[in-house]
Structure formats: structure tokens, C-alpha cells
Amino acid sequence: MDIGTLLPILGGTFILVAIWAIIISSKKKVIMILLIPLLSATGVYSYIAIDEVLGYPVDEVIHEDSQYISHLVNQSRTKIFIWSLHEDDDEPRAYEIPYSKEDEKKLEDSKQKQNRGITQMIKGSDKKDGNDKMLNTTRGSLKLYDYDMSNEVSK
């Protein structure tokens, strides 16, 4: 079992035991009414924070003006993992998108151009839900293009 699975199980177990202990030992209902939602919220927040700290790819829309670095298709051909570098960051970000032949072809073409020295830019689809999560309808909607060097200011 990997740590990404183990931590939420351990955290959830700890929260449930803590809530059980509060219910059993607390004689004041006010304490129970305050602590149970607080512990539950802490558990949810901790899960979200741990998921980001572990460094797994996110399923958010890829930022506009991101430089394409690389990609990988999983063995079952259900997901494509993409690494890109946003113009304001100095560390790459890993993204996860649903697999489509169209996106894989676009990414392979960009990889070949990149190998020839042409910097490639990538942009995610504009189709997203309210939380910037990729929707299944975004398959085939990646936008990859050559970096326009004319935008650079010469010194």
C-alpha cells in the first residue's frame, strides 16, 4: 500500500476515534457540537493538503502561457500526464488529463518539435467546472503551439 492511500486511511481512522472519544467522554453537549464539526473539517482539509504535498499530478486546467516540458501516457491508456512550466514559476507542475488519441498526437508532435529546438507552449481547455477541474468533455482540447520569440524584449 502506498503512502497516498495509507495517510487518508490513518487520518480518517484517527478522526473517527477522536469523535467517538468525545461522544463517550463528554458530558457537555456544547463541546460535542463544536468539536465534531471542527474535527471533521480538519480531516477534510488535511486530506486535501496532504494530496498536494505528495506531489501527485493535478487535474486542473493547464495555465495559459505554460511551456511544455514532457508527457507520459499510462499503460492502460486512460490518462496522460503532462509536465509544464508556467511563466511565473521556476519549478514544473504535473498535470493529469483524460486520454484521447488526439491529445496524444498533439503532444507527440510537440515533443518532436521540442527535440528540434523549437520551444513549445501548452494551454489547457477553457472547458472546466467551477473548481478549475478538467471535465471529461475536454478530451482532444489541448492547445500546443510554437513559442513566439518576437515577444521577448532584447537587452
Protein backbone atom coordinates (compact mmCIF):
# COMPACT_ATOMS: atom_id res chain seq x y z
CA MET A 1 0.00 0.00 0.00
CA ASP A 2 1.46 3.36 -0.97
CA ILE A 3 1.59 6.42 1.27
CA GLY A 4 -1.05 8.21 -0.82
CA THR A 5 -3.57 5.55 0.20
CA LEU A 6 -2.30 4.92 3.72
CA LEU A 7 -2.36 8.52 5.00
CA PRO A 8 -6.06 9.19 4.32
CA ILE A 9 -7.00 5.84 5.90
CA LEU A 10 -4.94 6.56 9.02
CA GLY A 11 -6.19 10.15 9.18
CA GLY A 12 -9.82 9.10 8.80
CA THR A 13 -9.41 6.43 11.47
CA PHE A 14 -7.86 8.96 13.85
CA ILE A 15 -10.70 11.44 13.28
CA LEU A 16 -13.36 8.75 13.87
CA VAL A 17 -11.66 7.56 17.07
CA ALA A 18 -11.37 11.17 18.29
CA ILE A 19 -15.06 11.82 17.58
CA TRP A 20 -16.01 8.56 19.32
CA ALA A 21 -13.90 9.53 22.37
CA ILE A 22 -15.55 12.95 22.51
CA ILE A 23 -19.04 11.43 22.35
CA ILE A 24 -18.25 8.84 25.04
CA SER A 25 -16.41 11.12 27.47
CA SER A 26 -18.12 14.48 27.00
CA LYS A 27 -20.86 15.36 29.40
CA LYS A 28 -21.44 18.76 27.81
CA LYS A 29 -23.30 18.76 24.51
CA VAL A 30 -21.87 22.17 23.59
CA ILE A 31 -18.37 20.69 23.44
CA MET A 32 -19.61 17.87 21.20
CA ILE A 33 -21.48 20.27 18.93
CA LEU A 34 -18.33 22.37 18.47
CA LEU A 35 -15.63 19.70 18.31
CA ILE A 36 -17.27 17.16 15.99
CA PRO A 37 -17.64 19.56 13.00
CA LEU A 38 -14.22 21.04 13.76
CA LEU A 39 -12.56 17.61 13.69
CA SER A 40 -14.44 16.66 10.53
CA ALA A 41 -13.36 19.85 8.77
CA THR A 42 -9.78 19.31 9.94
CA GLY A 43 -9.83 15.82 8.45
CA VAL A 44 -11.07 17.04 5.07
CA TYR A 45 -8.59 19.91 5.00
CA SER A 46 -5.73 17.60 5.98
CA TYR A 47 -6.59 15.18 3.17
CA ILE A 48 -6.56 17.99 0.60
CA ALA A 49 -3.29 19.41 1.94
CA ILE A 50 -1.57 16.01 2.04
CA ASP A 51 -2.67 15.25 -1.51
CA GLU A 52 -0.97 18.44 -2.72
CA VAL A 53 2.16 17.88 -0.65
CA LEU A 54 2.65 14.38 -2.08
CA GLY A 55 3.19 15.90 -5.49
CA TYR A 56 0.72 13.86 -7.49
CA PRO A 57 -0.38 15.34 -10.81
CA VAL A 58 -3.36 17.65 -10.53
CA ASP A 59 -6.42 17.52 -12.75
CA GLU A 60 -6.68 21.28 -13.07
CA VAL A 61 -6.74 23.23 -16.31
CA ILE A 62 -3.20 23.91 -17.52
CA HIS A 63 -2.29 27.58 -17.13
CA GLU A 64 -2.15 29.77 -20.18
CA ASP A 65 1.43 30.64 -21.20
CA SER A 66 2.93 27.42 -19.87
CA GLN A 67 5.95 25.86 -21.51
CA TYR A 68 5.52 22.19 -22.42
CA ILE A 69 8.27 20.03 -20.93
CA SER A 70 7.21 16.41 -21.38
CA HIS A 71 4.34 13.94 -21.21
CA LEU A 72 3.66 10.28 -20.44
CA VAL A 73 0.67 8.07 -21.27
CA ASN A 74 -0.19 5.48 -18.61
CA GLN A 75 -0.17 1.79 -19.57
CA SER A 76 -3.95 1.42 -19.61
CA ARG A 77 -4.27 4.47 -21.89
CA THR A 78 -6.78 6.19 -19.62
CA LYS A 79 -4.66 9.20 -18.59
CA ILE A 80 -1.96 11.47 -19.95
CA PHE A 81 0.47 13.06 -17.51
CA ILE A 82 1.93 16.39 -18.63
CA TRP A 83 4.76 18.41 -17.15
CA SER A 84 4.80 22.12 -17.89
CA LEU A 85 6.41 25.26 -16.57
CA HIS A 86 4.29 28.37 -16.06
CA GLU A 87 5.99 31.64 -16.93
CA ASP A 88 5.83 32.91 -13.33
CA ASP A 89 7.19 29.71 -11.75
CA ASP A 90 10.66 28.25 -11.55
CA GLU A 91 9.50 24.68 -10.86
CA PRO A 92 7.50 22.50 -13.26
CA ARG A 93 3.96 21.36 -12.50
CA ALA A 94 2.49 17.93 -13.24
CA TYR A 95 -1.00 17.71 -14.72
CA GLU A 96 -3.28 14.77 -15.41
CA ILE A 97 -5.80 14.77 -18.25
CA PRO A 98 -8.13 12.11 -19.65
CA TYR A 99 -6.57 10.13 -22.51
CA SER A 100 -7.50 10.85 -26.10
CA LYS A 101 -5.70 9.89 -29.30
CA GLU A 102 -5.98 13.49 -30.49
CA ASP A 103 -4.20 14.86 -27.40
CA GLU A 104 -1.53 12.14 -27.57
CA LYS A 105 -0.84 13.01 -31.22
CA LYS A 106 -0.59 16.75 -30.44
CA LEU A 107 1.80 16.04 -27.57
CA GLU A 108 3.98 13.71 -29.67
CA ASP A 109 4.20 16.36 -32.42
CA SER A 110 5.21 18.97 -29.84
CA LYS A 111 7.80 16.64 -28.35
CA GLN A 112 9.39 16.18 -31.79
CA LYS A 113 9.44 19.95 -32.39
CA GLN A 114 10.96 20.45 -28.95
CA ASN A 115 13.67 17.91 -29.79
CA ARG A 116 14.49 20.06 -32.85
CA GLY A 117 14.94 23.10 -30.57
CA ILE A 118 11.55 24.76 -31.04
CA THR A 119 10.15 25.77 -27.64
CA GLN A 120 6.59 24.52 -27.24
CA MET A 121 3.83 26.20 -25.28
CA ILE A 122 0.73 24.46 -23.94
CA LYS A 123 -2.68 25.64 -22.84
CA GLY A 124 -5.50 23.62 -21.32
CA SER A 125 -9.07 23.71 -22.45
CA ASP A 126 -11.38 26.51 -21.45
CA LYS A 127 -13.95 23.85 -20.55
CA LYS A 128 -13.88 23.36 -16.80
CA ASP A 129 -16.16 23.20 -13.82
CA GLY A 130 -16.32 25.86 -11.12
CA ASN A 131 -13.24 24.45 -9.35
CA ASP A 132 -10.90 24.54 -12.39
CA LYS A 133 -11.13 20.75 -12.65
CA MET A 134 -10.83 19.21 -16.09
CA LEU A 135 -14.11 17.81 -17.38
CA ASN A 136 -14.37 14.62 -19.42
CA THR A 137 -15.63 16.78 -22.29
CA THR A 138 -12.16 18.31 -22.62
CA ARG A 139 -10.66 15.31 -24.43
CA GLY A 140 -8.82 16.43 -27.51
CA SER A 141 -8.91 20.08 -26.47
CA LEU A 142 -5.27 20.77 -25.59
CA LYS A 143 -3.71 23.69 -27.42
CA LEU A 144 0.00 23.36 -28.22
CA TYR A 145 1.90 25.97 -30.20
CA ASP A 146 5.39 27.25 -31.02
CA TYR A 147 6.76 29.88 -28.67
CA ASP A 148 6.81 33.31 -30.31
CA MET A 149 10.31 34.69 -29.73
CA SER A 150 9.27 38.11 -31.07
CA ASN A 151 7.54 38.80 -27.72
CA GLU A 152 10.90 38.80 -25.94
CA VAL A 153 12.43 42.19 -25.24
CA SER A 154 16.07 42.43 -26.32
CA LYS A 155 18.52 43.86 -23.81
